[in-house]
């Protein structure tokens, strides 16, 4: 896929269509009757949908999965880039103005036109809902820097309160509804709500023609117990099961009825240091700590293989993730050399904090650090909130932390955790070079140039080692035999699930 090409300087102007080189989707006509056969895909999930209205919820995994079936989007994440859906091109007019041209002739399954004016009205409702007295909706936090939206001809113009390169990543996940006569959200996607037994199940009906093997209906069954979700897919009562017990991969591997499918989460786990004081103010010490911890062994022994080491704070599902940047790697000999160079030939002692849920991981890290002469005294805390209060007060030395990046945009992890002014920079990391690199990357609003800048930045982080980089856990799904499904990393999306033709429905 050809890269998105952008111009440089203040006059930067680019067409996402040039990068994507994807043909515009044809206009959608009213669907033909899919026929009397009912092919229902059953997905077991731990909790119910919050709302089918995109304006009524911020981020919620099961809700997003359902809304992805009810609504289309302007564009969608596709690997490390994007592809179009309702949009046919996107251009940056200036640093705070973006124009999205809407593909002509598109209609809902009921025949209602999907125009720029209709889409602008939807986004205006997200920003401030008239039904709530003009108050911001729950969805407002998904578009924090969008100050206004307006239709101009066949385009939707987004006006930002500040330059925001993450707009494309946000739009790639943002469901687009039409606004009904009573101000309600009207679906634009291939499914409609057939039935919702709150707390038990929600059933969606396909209103567009079903292709070979595609379900005519998708039923989300609410099953709170992880063990029961696994049992249902193993027994053939469900086709997809999410949020499974730790031993699910082994049990699925032994089954002829289902298999395990794993994809990395967007959340990354790590050890964060108070870098304002010795010994963690020395990059050589931090690199030594990274080299002293065998992440591959940690993943195998403690995490039962349900994770993958990462080189920095970016998960493999993050936009702009550079797979060419290797992890620092396990090298205890070099770790000892770096400790000696930095003035700690005999090592040192510090307290390593963890919540009760991460006790085994903390103890494994302690054992590995002991091999290079470092004595990490593990202290267990009842919960993260209690530990975090002490960290913010400057009372702690090092702690096992994690960061979820639901935007899947690189800035969503690196800015809050490592920029000098980051709201979650609990370790007090201050690096003018890194700050400048982050700020420069965000001025490159064209995705190809921006992701290249973040590739350089990831290599810099590997060298400076501001924290002990860790891993991202896999989401493990149970998938019935005969069902083909390639889940997207970072969120639940069952829109591509279908039966293999020979297996029927």
Protein backbone atom coordinates (compact mmCIF):
# COMPACT_ATOMS: atom_id res chain seq x y z
CA UNK A 1 0.00 0.00 0.00
CA UNK A 2 1.40 3.29 -1.06
CA UNK A 3 2.38 5.71 1.69
CA UNK A 4 0.47 8.88 2.38
CA UNK A 5 2.37 11.78 0.84
CA UNK A 6 2.37 15.19 2.45
CA UNK A 7 3.95 18.55 1.61
CA UNK A 8 6.20 20.36 4.11
CA UNK A 9 6.16 23.64 6.00
CA UNK A 10 3.18 25.75 6.99
CA UNK A 11 1.56 25.11 3.66
CA UNK A 12 1.52 21.38 4.40
CA UNK A 13 -1.33 19.89 2.43
CA UNK A 14 -1.90 16.29 1.74
CA UNK A 15 -4.48 13.93 0.37
CA UNK A 16 -4.88 10.72 2.28
CA UNK A 17 -6.19 9.17 -0.91
CA UNK A 18 -2.74 9.38 -2.45
CA UNK A 19 -1.27 7.40 0.43
CA UNK A 20 -3.98 4.80 0.65
CA UNK A 21 -4.43 4.21 -3.04
CA UNK A 22 -7.70 2.49 -2.20
CA UNK A 23 -10.66 2.83 -4.57
CA UNK A 24 -13.65 4.72 -3.25
CA UNK A 25 -16.38 2.40 -2.06
CA UNK A 26 -19.35 2.30 -4.43
CA UNK A 27 -22.67 3.75 -3.43
CA UNK A 28 -24.69 1.34 -1.33
CA UNK A 29 -28.06 0.49 -2.73
CA UNK A 30 -30.93 -0.95 -0.73
CA UNK A 31 -30.01 -4.57 0.06
CA UNK A 32 -31.58 -7.64 -1.38
CA UNK A 33 -33.36 -10.07 0.93
CA UNK A 34 -30.64 -12.33 2.36
CA UNK A 35 -33.08 -15.21 2.33
CA UNK A 36 -34.89 -17.19 5.00
CA UNK A 37 -31.85 -19.04 6.33
CA UNK A 38 -30.76 -17.70 9.70
CA UNK A 39 -27.04 -18.01 10.38
CA UNK A 40 -26.46 -16.63 13.87
CA UNK A 41 -22.95 -16.02 15.20
CA UNK A 42 -22.84 -16.25 19.00
CA UNK A 43 -20.26 -14.19 20.89
CA UNK A 44 -19.97 -14.58 24.68
CA UNK A 45 -18.79 -11.44 26.49
CA UNK A 46 -18.31 -10.54 30.17
CA UNK A 47 -20.65 -7.53 30.33
CA UNK A 48 -23.54 -5.86 28.59
CA UNK A 49 -23.51 -2.99 26.13
CA UNK A 50 -23.77 0.45 27.73
CA UNK A 51 -25.66 2.07 24.86
CA UNK A 52 -26.15 1.64 21.13
CA UNK A 53 -25.93 5.43 20.76
CA UNK A 54 -22.34 6.63 20.07
CA UNK A 55 -23.04 9.85 21.99
CA UNK A 56 -23.88 8.06 25.24
CA UNK A 57 -20.60 6.32 26.03
CA UNK A 58 -16.90 7.19 25.90
CA UNK A 59 -14.86 3.97 25.62
CA UNK A 60 -16.21 0.51 26.43
CA UNK A 61 -15.04 -2.66 24.69
CA UNK A 62 -18.30 -4.58 24.25
CA UNK A 63 -20.18 -1.43 23.36
CA UNK A 64 -17.62 -0.55 20.71
CA UNK A 65 -17.87 -4.07 19.25
CA UNK A 66 -21.62 -3.69 18.82
CA UNK A 67 -21.38 -0.15 17.48
CA UNK A 68 -18.84 -1.25 14.87
CA UNK A 69 -21.60 -3.40 13.39
CA UNK A 70 -24.31 -0.75 13.60
CA UNK A 71 -22.32 2.18 12.21
CA UNK A 72 -19.76 2.95 9.54
CA UNK A 73 -16.73 5.23 9.97
CA UNK A 74 -15.02 7.90 7.89
CA UNK A 75 -11.88 5.74 7.66
CA UNK A 76 -10.53 2.65 9.38
CA UNK A 77 -7.24 1.47 10.80
CA UNK A 78 -5.52 -0.89 8.39
CA UNK A 79 -2.27 -2.28 9.73
CA UNK A 80 0.09 0.65 10.32
CA UNK A 81 -2.09 3.01 8.29
CA UNK A 82 -5.68 3.66 7.23
CA UNK A 83 -8.21 2.89 4.54
CA UNK A 84 -11.32 4.84 3.61
CA UNK A 85 -14.91 4.03 4.37
CA UNK A 86 -17.33 6.98 4.13
CA UNK A 87 -14.55 9.41 3.23
CA UNK A 88 -12.86 9.57 -0.15
CA UNK A 89 -10.06 11.95 0.81
CA UNK A 90 -8.74 13.92 3.76
CA UNK A 91 -6.62 17.04 3.62
CA UNK A 92 -5.13 19.36 6.18
CA UNK A 93 -6.00 22.94 5.28
CA UNK A 94 -3.84 24.34 8.08
CA UNK A 95 -2.58 23.18 11.46
CA UNK A 96 -6.04 23.38 13.05
CA UNK A 97 -8.35 22.74 10.10
CA UNK A 98 -9.00 19.40 8.39
CA UNK A 99 -11.31 18.78 5.43
CA UNK A 100 -12.85 15.34 4.88
CA UNK A 101 -14.44 14.81 1.46
CA UNK A 102 -17.34 12.36 1.59
CA UNK A 103 -17.73 9.75 -1.13
CA UNK A 104 -20.85 10.60 -3.17
CA UNK A 105 -23.95 8.49 -3.59
CA UNK A 106 -23.79 6.57 -0.33
CA UNK A 107 -26.99 5.52 1.41
CA UNK A 108 -28.07 3.48 4.41
CA UNK A 109 -29.77 0.12 3.96
CA UNK A 110 -33.09 1.98 4.29
CA UNK A 111 -32.15 4.32 1.45
CA UNK A 112 -31.32 7.46 3.46
CA UNK A 113 -28.50 9.48 1.91
CA UNK A 114 -25.25 9.75 3.86
CA UNK A 115 -24.14 13.28 3.00
CA UNK A 116 -21.58 15.70 4.35
CA UNK A 117 -24.38 17.71 5.95
CA UNK A 118 -25.74 14.62 7.72
CA UNK A 119 -22.30 13.60 8.96
CA UNK A 120 -21.53 17.12 10.20
CA UNK A 121 -24.81 17.10 12.09
CA UNK A 122 -23.82 13.83 13.76
CA UNK A 123 -20.48 15.22 14.94
CA UNK A 124 -22.13 18.42 16.13
CA UNK A 125 -24.40 16.26 18.27
CA UNK A 126 -21.38 14.44 19.71
CA UNK A 127 -19.76 17.71 20.73
CA UNK A 128 -22.86 19.14 22.40
CA UNK A 129 -26.17 17.33 22.58
CA UNK A 130 -29.27 19.56 22.31
CA UNK A 131 -31.25 16.86 24.14
CA UNK A 132 -29.08 17.46 27.20
CA UNK A 133 -29.46 21.21 27.20
CA UNK A 134 -26.40 21.72 25.02
CA UNK A 135 -24.14 19.88 27.46
CA UNK A 136 -21.14 17.84 26.23
CA UNK A 137 -21.93 14.19 25.57
CA UNK A 138 -20.04 11.23 27.02
CA UNK A 139 -18.42 10.83 23.61
CA UNK A 140 -16.89 14.31 23.85
CA UNK A 141 -13.71 12.95 25.45
CA UNK A 142 -12.99 10.88 22.32
CA UNK A 143 -12.58 14.12 20.36
CA UNK A 144 -10.95 16.39 22.95
CA UNK A 145 -9.51 19.00 20.57
CA UNK A 146 -12.36 19.22 18.07
CA UNK A 147 -13.80 22.69 18.61
CA UNK A 148 -16.33 22.65 15.77
CA UNK A 149 -17.60 20.71 12.75
CA UNK A 150 -19.36 22.09 9.69
CA UNK A 151 -20.41 20.92 6.24
CA UNK A 152 -18.96 22.68 3.19
CA UNK A 153 -20.37 21.25 -0.01
CA UNK A 154 -19.47 17.56 -0.16
CA UNK A 155 -16.94 17.90 2.67
CA UNK A 156 -16.96 17.91 6.46
CA UNK A 157 -14.58 20.46 8.01
CA UNK A 158 -13.14 19.82 11.46
CA UNK A 159 -11.88 22.88 13.34
CA UNK A 160 -9.46 22.06 16.17
CA UNK A 161 -8.63 24.03 19.31
CA UNK A 162 -4.95 23.08 18.83
CA UNK A 163 -2.91 21.09 16.31
CA UNK A 164 -3.77 17.43 16.81
CA UNK A 165 -2.09 14.81 14.68
CA UNK A 166 -4.10 12.13 16.50
CA UNK A 167 -7.30 13.22 14.74
CA UNK A 168 -6.98 10.52 12.08
CA UNK A 169 -6.55 7.79 14.69
CA UNK A 170 -9.63 9.09 16.51
CA UNK A 171 -11.74 9.22 13.36
CA UNK A 172 -10.68 5.69 12.44
CA UNK A 173 -12.56 4.42 15.51
CA UNK A 174 -15.38 6.92 15.58
CA UNK A 175 -18.81 5.48 14.63
CA UNK A 176 -20.83 7.72 12.33
CA UNK A 177 -24.59 7.81 12.85
CA UNK A 178 -27.27 9.88 11.21
CA UNK A 179 -29.54 11.99 13.39
CA UNK A 180 -33.18 10.97 13.49
CA UNK A 181 -36.23 13.25 13.76
CA UNK A 182 -36.21 12.96 17.56
CA UNK A 183 -32.47 13.50 17.80
CA UNK A 184 -31.71 9.79 18.08
CA UNK A 185 -28.77 7.98 16.46
CA UNK A 186 -29.72 6.22 13.21
CA UNK A 187 -27.48 3.31 12.13
CA UNK A 188 -25.43 3.53 8.94
CA UNK A 189 -23.77 0.11 9.03
CA UNK A 190 -24.74 -3.38 7.86
CA UNK A 191 -26.64 -4.43 11.03
CA UNK A 192 -29.67 -3.26 12.98
CA UNK A 193 -30.80 -3.93 16.53
CA UNK A 194 -33.28 -6.81 16.56
CA UNK A 195 -33.55 -7.46 20.29
CA UNK A 196 -31.89 -6.33 23.52
CA UNK A 197 -32.55 -8.19 26.77
CA UNK A 198 -30.56 -5.90 29.03
CA UNK A 199 -28.04 -7.73 31.12
CA UNK A 200 -28.47 -10.94 29.12
CA UNK A 201 -28.08 -10.57 25.36
CA UNK A 202 -28.23 -8.24 22.41
CA UNK A 203 -29.07 -9.53 18.91
CA UNK A 204 -28.20 -7.72 15.69
CA UNK A 205 -29.75 -8.47 12.29
CA UNK A 206 -27.90 -7.95 9.02
CA UNK A 207 -29.79 -5.65 6.64
CA UNK A 208 -27.30 -5.83 3.81
CA UNK A 209 -26.81 -8.98 1.71
CA UNK A 210 -24.82 -11.64 3.52
CA UNK A 211 -21.81 -12.90 1.59
CA UNK A 212 -20.60 -16.51 1.55
CA UNK A 213 -20.30 -17.73 5.12
CA UNK A 214 -21.28 -14.40 6.66
CA UNK A 215 -23.76 -14.44 9.55
CA UNK A 216 -27.23 -13.03 9.07
CA UNK A 217 -27.42 -12.35 12.81
CA UNK A 218 -24.88 -11.75 15.57
CA UNK A 219 -25.82 -12.44 19.17
CA UNK A 220 -23.76 -11.11 22.07
CA UNK A 221 -24.48 -13.23 25.17
CA UNK A 222 -23.55 -11.69 28.54
CA UNK A 223 -21.74 -14.36 30.57
CA UNK A 224 -19.93 -12.81 33.58
CA UNK A 225 -17.87 -15.89 34.52
CA UNK A 226 -14.71 -16.45 32.46
CA UNK A 227 -14.84 -20.21 33.08
CA UNK A 228 -18.39 -20.38 31.72
CA UNK A 229 -17.44 -18.37 28.63
CA UNK A 230 -14.69 -20.86 27.89
CA UNK A 231 -17.00 -23.81 28.52
CA UNK A 232 -19.51 -22.49 26.01
CA UNK A 233 -17.06 -22.21 23.16
CA UNK A 234 -15.54 -25.61 24.01
CA UNK A 235 -18.99 -27.20 24.05
CA UNK A 236 -20.10 -25.63 20.77
CA UNK A 237 -22.64 -23.26 22.37
CA UNK A 238 -20.73 -20.19 21.22
CA UNK A 239 -18.59 -19.30 18.23
CA UNK A 240 -16.36 -16.64 19.84
CA UNK A 241 -15.48 -16.24 23.52
CA UNK A 242 -13.58 -13.28 24.98
CA UNK A 243 -11.74 -12.56 28.26
CA UNK A 244 -10.90 -16.16 29.08
CA UNK A 245 -9.18 -17.85 32.07
CA UNK A 246 -5.39 -18.05 32.19
CA UNK A 247 -5.36 -21.74 31.25
CA UNK A 248 -7.61 -21.23 28.21
CA UNK A 249 -4.86 -21.57 25.55
CA UNK A 250 -3.88 -25.06 26.76
CA UNK A 251 -7.48 -26.22 27.01
CA UNK A 252 -8.33 -24.84 23.60
CA UNK A 253 -5.25 -26.50 22.10
CA UNK A 254 -6.55 -29.86 23.34
CA UNK A 255 -10.00 -29.30 21.83
CA UNK A 256 -11.26 -30.31 18.40
CA UNK A 257 -14.20 -27.93 18.67
CA UNK A 258 -12.37 -24.63 19.16
CA UNK A 259 -8.96 -22.99 18.94
CA UNK A 260 -7.16 -20.08 20.60
CA UNK A 261 -6.54 -16.88 18.65
CA UNK A 262 -4.21 -14.32 20.25
CA UNK A 263 -3.53 -10.67 19.40
CA UNK A 264 -1.55 -8.07 21.40
CA UNK A 265 -3.39 -5.51 23.47
CA UNK A 266 -2.65 -1.79 23.19
CA UNK A 267 -1.81 -1.75 26.94
CA UNK A 268 1.91 -1.96 27.83
CA UNK A 269 3.43 -3.10 31.15
CA UNK A 270 6.78 -1.83 32.52
CA UNK A 271 8.80 -0.87 35.60
CA UNK A 272 8.88 2.89 36.16
CA UNK A 273 11.63 4.61 38.18
CA UNK A 274 11.91 7.84 40.11
CA UNK A 275 14.61 9.21 37.82
CA UNK A 276 15.05 12.43 39.78
CA UNK A 277 17.35 10.70 42.28
CA UNK A 278 20.24 8.22 42.19
CA UNK A 279 20.69 5.56 41.06
CA UNK A 280 17.93 5.86 38.45
CA UNK A 281 19.00 9.28 37.21
CA UNK A 282 21.81 7.55 35.26
CA UNK A 283 20.86 6.11 31.85
CA UNK A 284 23.60 3.48 32.21
CA UNK A 285 21.93 2.13 35.34
CA UNK A 286 18.55 2.04 33.61
CA UNK A 287 20.02 0.18 30.64
CA UNK A 288 21.69 -2.26 33.02
CA UNK A 289 18.36 -2.99 34.65
CA UNK A 290 16.81 -3.65 31.24
CA UNK A 291 19.66 -6.01 30.36
CA UNK A 292 19.39 -7.84 33.69
CA UNK A 293 15.75 -8.85 33.19
CA UNK A 294 15.08 -11.77 30.85
CA UNK A 295 11.72 -10.74 29.44
CA UNK A 296 11.35 -13.90 27.35
CA UNK A 297 11.74 -16.02 30.48
CA UNK A 298 9.34 -13.75 32.39
CA UNK A 299 6.71 -14.16 29.68
CA UNK A 300 7.12 -17.95 29.64
CA UNK A 301 7.27 -18.60 33.37
CA UNK A 302 5.03 -15.97 34.95
CA UNK A 303 2.71 -14.92 32.14
CA UNK A 304 2.33 -18.43 30.68
CA UNK A 305 3.25 -17.23 27.22
CA UNK A 306 0.30 -14.83 27.03
CA UNK A 307 2.43 -11.74 26.33
CA UNK A 308 5.11 -10.42 23.99
CA UNK A 309 8.11 -8.24 24.99
CA UNK A 310 8.19 -4.72 23.55
CA UNK A 311 11.13 -2.45 22.82
CA UNK A 312 9.55 0.75 24.17
CA UNK A 313 6.14 1.93 25.39
CA UNK A 314 4.42 1.14 22.10
CA UNK A 315 2.45 -2.04 21.55
CA UNK A 316 2.66 -3.79 18.16
CA UNK A 317 -0.94 -2.71 17.46
CA UNK A 318 -0.10 0.98 17.88
CA UNK A 319 -0.06 3.10 14.73
CA UNK A 320 3.54 3.91 13.83
CA UNK A 321 4.96 0.94 15.77
CA UNK A 322 8.40 0.18 14.28
CA UNK A 323 9.00 -3.57 14.32
CA UNK A 324 12.58 -2.91 13.23
CA UNK A 325 13.44 -1.55 16.69
CA UNK A 326 14.59 -4.54 18.79
CA UNK A 327 14.15 -4.81 22.54
CA UNK A 328 17.25 -3.96 24.59
CA UNK A 329 17.69 -7.65 25.25
CA UNK A 330 18.91 -9.89 28.05
CA UNK A 331 22.67 -9.49 28.66
CA UNK A 332 23.67 -9.86 32.35
CA UNK A 333 27.39 -9.59 31.55
CA UNK A 334 26.96 -6.20 29.92
CA UNK A 335 24.59 -5.20 32.72
CA UNK A 336 27.37 -5.74 35.28
CA UNK A 337 29.78 -3.70 33.16
CA UNK A 338 27.35 -0.79 32.97
CA UNK A 339 26.76 -0.91 36.71
CA UNK A 340 30.52 -0.77 37.33
CA UNK A 341 30.91 2.14 34.89
CA UNK A 342 28.20 4.08 36.66
CA UNK A 343 29.75 3.60 40.09
CA UNK A 344 27.90 0.55 41.35
CA UNK A 345 30.33 -2.38 40.88
CA UNK A 346 28.70 -4.23 43.79
CA UNK A 347 25.18 -3.27 42.78
CA UNK A 348 22.73 -1.44 45.05
CA UNK A 349 19.46 -1.92 46.94
CA UNK A 350 16.06 -0.39 46.33
CA UNK A 351 12.37 -1.05 46.97
CA UNK A 352 10.32 -2.42 44.09
CA UNK A 353 6.60 -1.73 44.51
CA UNK A 354 3.79 -3.78 43.02
CA UNK A 355 0.10 -4.40 43.58
CA UNK A 356 -0.99 -7.81 44.81
CA UNK A 357 -1.97 -8.80 41.27
CA UNK A 358 1.63 -8.38 40.13
CA UNK A 359 3.36 -10.09 43.05
CA UNK A 360 4.72 -13.05 41.05
CA UNK A 361 6.04 -10.76 38.35
CA UNK A 362 7.79 -8.51 40.89
CA UNK A 363 9.38 -11.50 42.60
CA UNK A 364 10.63 -12.89 39.28
CA UNK A 365 12.21 -9.53 38.45
CA UNK A 366 13.81 -9.43 41.91
CA UNK A 367 15.43 -12.82 41.32
CA UNK A 368 16.82 -11.74 37.94
CA UNK A 369 18.23 -8.47 39.30
CA UNK A 370 19.92 -10.38 42.14
CA UNK A 371 22.05 -12.20 39.57
CA UNK A 372 23.80 -8.92 38.70
CA UNK A 373 24.16 -7.80 42.32
CA UNK A 374 21.05 -5.65 42.65
CA UNK A 375 18.88 -6.24 45.71
CA UNK A 376 15.28 -5.31 44.88
CA UNK A 377 13.15 -5.50 48.02
CA UNK A 378 9.61 -6.22 46.86
CA UNK A 379 6.82 -4.35 48.63
CA UNK A 380 3.23 -5.32 47.87
CA UNK A 381 0.43 -2.75 47.96
CA UNK A 382 -3.30 -3.51 48.20
CA UNK A 383 -4.26 -1.55 45.08
CA UNK A 384 -2.91 0.86 42.49
CA UNK A 385 -4.74 3.90 43.90
CA UNK A 386 -2.97 3.56 47.25
CA UNK A 387 0.42 3.05 45.62
CA UNK A 388 -0.11 5.88 43.17
CA UNK A 389 -0.75 8.38 45.97
CA UNK A 390 2.65 7.61 47.44
CA UNK A 391 4.33 7.79 44.03
CA UNK A 392 2.85 11.23 43.33
CA UNK A 393 4.09 12.40 46.74
CA UNK A 394 7.62 11.37 45.72
CA UNK A 395 7.88 8.63 48.35
CA UNK A 396 8.62 5.64 46.11
CA UNK A 397 11.69 4.49 44.13
CA UNK A 398 10.42 2.04 41.49
CA UNK A 399 7.13 0.35 40.72
CA UNK A 400 5.44 -2.00 38.29
CA UNK A 401 3.10 0.06 36.15
CA UNK A 402 1.09 -0.16 32.97
CA UNK A 403 -0.47 2.19 30.47
CA UNK A 404 -3.46 1.61 28.24
CA UNK A 405 -3.49 3.47 24.94
CA UNK A 406 -7.02 3.10 23.61
CA UNK A 407 -6.35 5.61 20.82
CA UNK A 408 -3.63 3.31 19.46
CA UNK A 409 -1.82 6.49 18.40
CA UNK A 410 1.87 6.76 19.44
CA UNK A 411 1.33 10.11 21.13
CA UNK A 412 -1.29 8.49 23.35
CA UNK A 413 1.44 6.58 25.21
CA UNK A 414 4.66 8.56 24.83
CA UNK A 415 3.40 12.04 25.69
CA UNK A 416 1.62 11.31 28.97
CA UNK A 417 4.32 8.96 30.27
CA UNK A 418 7.60 10.51 29.06
CA UNK A 419 7.15 14.14 28.04
CA UNK A 420 8.31 16.55 30.77
CA UNK A 421 4.76 17.85 31.09
CA UNK A 422 3.05 14.48 30.69
CA UNK A 423 0.10 14.03 33.04
CA UNK A 424 1.19 10.46 33.93
CA UNK A 425 4.96 11.02 34.02
CA UNK A 426 5.12 9.70 37.58
CA UNK A 427 8.87 9.05 37.46
CA UNK A 428 9.68 12.70 36.79
CA UNK A 429 11.55 11.93 33.56
CA UNK A 430 12.98 15.14 32.05
CA UNK A 431 14.81 15.00 28.74
CA UNK A 432 14.84 18.16 26.57
CA UNK A 433 15.95 16.09 23.56
CA UNK A 434 13.00 13.72 23.91
CA UNK A 435 10.60 16.61 24.50
CA UNK A 436 11.78 18.26 21.29
CA UNK A 437 11.46 15.00 19.35
CA UNK A 438 7.90 14.45 20.59
CA UNK A 439 6.92 18.01 19.79
CA UNK A 440 8.51 17.82 16.34
CA UNK A 441 6.76 14.53 15.57
CA UNK A 442 3.41 16.12 16.33
CA UNK A 443 4.02 18.93 13.83
CA UNK A 444 4.27 16.34 11.06
CA UNK A 445 0.59 15.81 10.52
CA UNK A 446 1.00 13.66 7.42
CA UNK A 447 0.93 10.04 8.69
CA UNK A 448 3.91 8.82 6.65
CA UNK A 449 6.20 11.62 7.87
CA UNK A 450 4.81 11.44 11.40
CA UNK A 451 5.31 7.70 11.74
CA UNK A 452 8.85 8.03 10.40
CA UNK A 453 9.56 10.59 13.14
CA UNK A 454 8.18 8.21 15.74
CA UNK A 455 10.41 5.46 14.37
CA UNK A 456 13.48 7.62 15.12
CA UNK A 457 12.02 8.40 18.51
CA UNK A 458 11.59 4.71 19.36
CA UNK A 459 15.28 4.11 18.65
CA UNK A 460 16.20 7.00 20.92
CA UNK A 461 14.07 5.58 23.74
CA UNK A 462 15.77 2.23 23.41
CA UNK A 463 19.12 3.95 23.97
CA UNK A 464 18.07 6.17 26.89
CA UNK A 465 15.91 3.51 28.61
CA UNK A 466 13.80 5.91 30.71
CA UNK A 467 12.17 2.87 32.32
CA UNK A 468 12.48 -0.90 32.36
CA UNK A 469 10.49 -1.71 29.26
CA UNK A 470 8.28 -4.74 29.55
CA UNK A 471 5.61 -6.40 27.50
CA UNK A 472 2.08 -6.28 26.19
CA UNK A 473 -0.36 -9.03 27.07
CA UNK A 474 -2.21 -10.96 24.39
CA UNK A 475 -5.96 -10.91 24.19
CA UNK A 476 -6.80 -14.60 23.83
CA UNK A 477 -10.08 -15.53 22.17
CA UNK A 478 -11.74 -18.89 21.85
CA UNK A 479 -12.94 -19.40 18.27
CA UNK A 480 -15.09 -22.32 17.15
CA UNK A 481 -13.72 -24.71 14.55
CA UNK A 482 -15.03 -23.78 11.13
CA UNK A 483 -15.22 -20.06 11.95
CA UNK A 484 -12.72 -17.81 10.23
CA UNK A 485 -11.91 -14.66 12.18
CA UNK A 486 -8.85 -12.43 12.35
CA UNK A 487 -9.42 -10.09 15.31
CA UNK A 488 -8.01 -6.59 15.21
CA UNK A 489 -5.54 -5.75 17.95
CA UNK A 490 -6.61 -3.32 20.62
CA UNK A 491 -10.39 -3.75 20.40
CA UNK A 492 -13.07 -6.37 19.78
CA UNK A 493 -14.22 -6.37 16.16
CA UNK A 494 -16.24 -9.37 14.94
CA UNK A 495 -17.30 -7.80 11.65
CA UNK A 496 -14.94 -10.06 9.67
CA UNK A 497 -16.09 -13.32 11.31
CA UNK A 498 -17.59 -15.89 8.97
CA UNK A 499 -17.96 -19.61 8.53
CA UNK A 500 -15.68 -21.46 6.16
CA UNK A 501 -17.84 -22.46 3.21
CA UNK A 502 -17.36 -26.18 3.76
CA UNK A 503 -18.43 -25.93 7.39
CA UNK A 504 -21.72 -24.16 6.77
CA UNK A 505 -23.31 -22.01 9.47
